[in-house]
Amino acid sequence: MRGKRAILGFICLIGVMLILIGLRISEDSHKLGGLTVPTGAAFDAGEYWERIDFTGNITDAEDILRQLGAIEVRRELFGCEECLIIIYAFSDRLTGRTYERWGTFNIMIAVRNGSIAVGYPVLIGSF
């Protein structure tokens, strides 16, 4: 009887370890990788940031905000001919955040000439 308890205890320990490993793997998965974006989107990630580039317009950018459950914090418009729209938003689903004097955000989206760049927590590189 004692041997069965030891085996059962060992099996329970292994089960708990596998669950914890699974949680750790899911915790390390990409934050933006699960978004529904057009085929051919380019995904790039560093240790503390992620970026997705794809073709689309402002409606597609607003769809990304809905997918992330994000609330828009600020919107900037630059230029008239080749308009650049930058949207700053915050989602409780994402852990990182950036602080500015005008608010807190962890999503940054740039829309320009039929291209969209989505960054977490900020856009890295040009847009």
Protein backbone atom coordinates (compact mmCIF):
# COMPACT_ATOMS: atom_id res chain seq x y z
CA MET A 1 0.00 0.00 0.00
CA ARG A 2 2.83 2.36 0.84
CA GLY A 3 4.46 1.74 -2.56
CA LYS A 4 1.21 2.64 -4.36
CA ARG A 5 1.03 5.95 -2.46
CA ALA A 6 4.60 6.77 -3.41
CA ILE A 7 3.91 6.03 -7.07
CA LEU A 8 0.68 8.05 -6.97
CA GLY A 9 2.51 10.96 -5.31
CA PHE A 10 5.23 10.81 -7.96
CA ILE A 11 2.64 10.81 -10.76
CA CYS A 12 0.90 13.83 -9.18
CA LEU A 13 4.23 15.65 -8.91
CA ILE A 14 4.99 15.00 -12.59
CA GLY A 15 1.49 16.20 -13.53
CA VAL A 16 1.90 19.45 -11.61
CA MET A 17 5.32 20.02 -13.18
CA LEU A 18 3.88 19.53 -16.68
CA ILE A 19 1.10 22.01 -15.95
CA LEU A 20 3.59 24.58 -14.70
CA ILE A 21 5.79 24.08 -17.75
CA GLY A 22 2.74 24.54 -19.99
CA LEU A 23 1.84 27.78 -18.20
CA ARG A 24 5.38 29.07 -18.60
CA ILE A 25 5.40 28.26 -22.33
CA SER A 26 2.06 30.00 -22.88
CA GLU A 27 3.28 32.99 -20.86
CA ASP A 28 6.30 33.31 -23.15
CA SER A 29 4.27 33.08 -26.35
CA HIS A 30 3.99 36.12 -28.57
CA LYS A 31 1.49 38.74 -27.50
CA LEU A 32 0.64 39.91 -31.03
CA GLY A 33 1.17 36.60 -32.80
CA GLY A 34 -2.46 35.53 -32.39
CA LEU A 35 -3.98 38.50 -34.22
CA THR A 36 -6.01 37.87 -37.34
CA VAL A 37 -4.18 39.78 -40.06
CA PRO A 38 -3.95 39.31 -43.85
CA THR A 39 -1.77 36.55 -45.27
CA GLY A 40 1.78 37.69 -45.82
CA ALA A 41 2.06 39.78 -42.67
CA ALA A 42 5.62 40.20 -41.44
CA PHE A 43 6.16 39.44 -37.75
CA ASP A 44 9.24 40.53 -35.84
CA ALA A 45 9.97 40.21 -32.14
CA GLY A 46 12.71 41.09 -29.72
CA GLU A 47 13.07 40.25 -26.06
CA TYR A 48 10.68 42.98 -24.91
CA TRP A 49 8.87 44.08 -28.08
CA GLU A 50 6.87 42.76 -31.02
CA ARG A 51 5.89 44.17 -34.39
CA ILE A 52 3.55 43.09 -37.20
CA ASP A 53 3.49 44.78 -40.62
CA PHE A 54 0.75 44.16 -43.18
CA THR A 55 -1.35 45.89 -45.82
CA GLY A 56 -4.55 47.60 -44.76
CA ASN A 57 -6.27 50.85 -43.85
CA ILE A 58 -7.59 52.62 -40.76
CA THR A 59 -10.54 50.21 -40.55
CA ASP A 60 -8.11 47.28 -40.30
CA ALA A 61 -6.16 49.12 -37.61
CA GLU A 62 -9.35 49.67 -35.61
CA ASP A 63 -10.12 45.94 -36.01
CA ILE A 64 -6.74 45.16 -34.40
CA LEU A 65 -7.74 47.35 -31.45
CA ARG A 66 -11.00 45.39 -31.12
CA GLN A 67 -9.15 42.06 -31.27
CA LEU A 68 -6.86 43.19 -28.45
CA GLY A 69 -9.68 44.72 -26.41
CA ALA A 70 -7.71 47.97 -26.49
CA ILE A 71 -8.95 51.46 -25.69
CA GLU A 72 -7.57 54.27 -27.81
CA VAL A 73 -5.60 56.78 -25.74
CA ARG A 74 -4.38 59.18 -28.42
CA ARG A 75 -4.45 59.63 -32.21
CA GLU A 76 -2.03 61.76 -34.22
CA LEU A 77 -2.31 62.78 -37.87
CA PHE A 78 0.75 63.92 -39.81
CA GLY A 79 0.71 65.42 -43.30
CA CYS A 80 -2.03 65.52 -45.87
CA GLU A 81 -0.72 63.89 -49.05
CA GLU A 82 0.85 60.79 -47.56
CA CYS A 83 -1.10 60.86 -44.33
CA LEU A 84 0.46 59.10 -41.41
CA ILE A 85 -1.94 58.20 -38.63
CA ILE A 86 -0.52 57.00 -35.33
CA ILE A 87 -2.82 55.43 -32.75
CA TYR A 88 -1.75 54.84 -29.17
CA ALA A 89 -3.94 52.44 -27.19
CA PHE A 90 -3.99 50.42 -23.98
CA SER A 91 -5.05 46.79 -23.55
CA ASP A 92 -5.36 45.01 -20.21
CA ARG A 93 -4.56 41.77 -22.07
CA LEU A 94 -0.94 42.87 -22.54
CA THR A 95 1.46 43.16 -19.64
CA GLY A 96 3.90 45.83 -20.79
CA ARG A 97 3.16 49.52 -20.83
CA THR A 98 4.73 52.84 -21.72
CA TYR A 99 4.09 56.09 -19.88
CA GLU A 100 3.88 59.51 -21.49
CA ARG A 101 2.69 62.76 -19.94
CA TRP A 102 -0.55 62.42 -21.90
CA GLY A 103 -1.29 58.80 -20.94
CA THR A 104 -0.31 55.16 -20.65
CA PHE A 105 -0.24 52.85 -23.67
CA ASN A 106 1.04 49.45 -24.73
CA ILE A 107 -0.08 49.32 -28.37
CA MET A 108 1.15 51.66 -31.07
CA ILE A 109 -0.28 51.47 -34.59
CA ALA A 110 0.91 53.44 -37.63
CA VAL A 111 -1.20 53.60 -40.79
CA ARG A 112 0.28 55.03 -44.00
CA ASN A 113 -0.31 54.50 -47.73
CA GLY A 114 -2.15 51.20 -47.34
CA SER A 115 0.36 49.80 -44.83
CA ILE A 116 -0.09 49.12 -41.15
CA ALA A 117 2.56 48.58 -38.49
CA VAL A 118 1.44 47.35 -35.07
CA GLY A 119 3.90 47.51 -32.20
CA TYR A 120 3.87 46.24 -28.63
CA PRO A 121 4.50 48.15 -26.40
CA VAL A 122 5.81 50.69 -28.94
CA LEU A 123 6.76 50.53 -32.61
CA ILE A 124 10.43 49.76 -33.10
CA GLY A 125 11.97 50.94 -36.35
CA SER A 126 10.57 53.19 -39.05
CA PHE A 127 6.97 53.52 -40.08
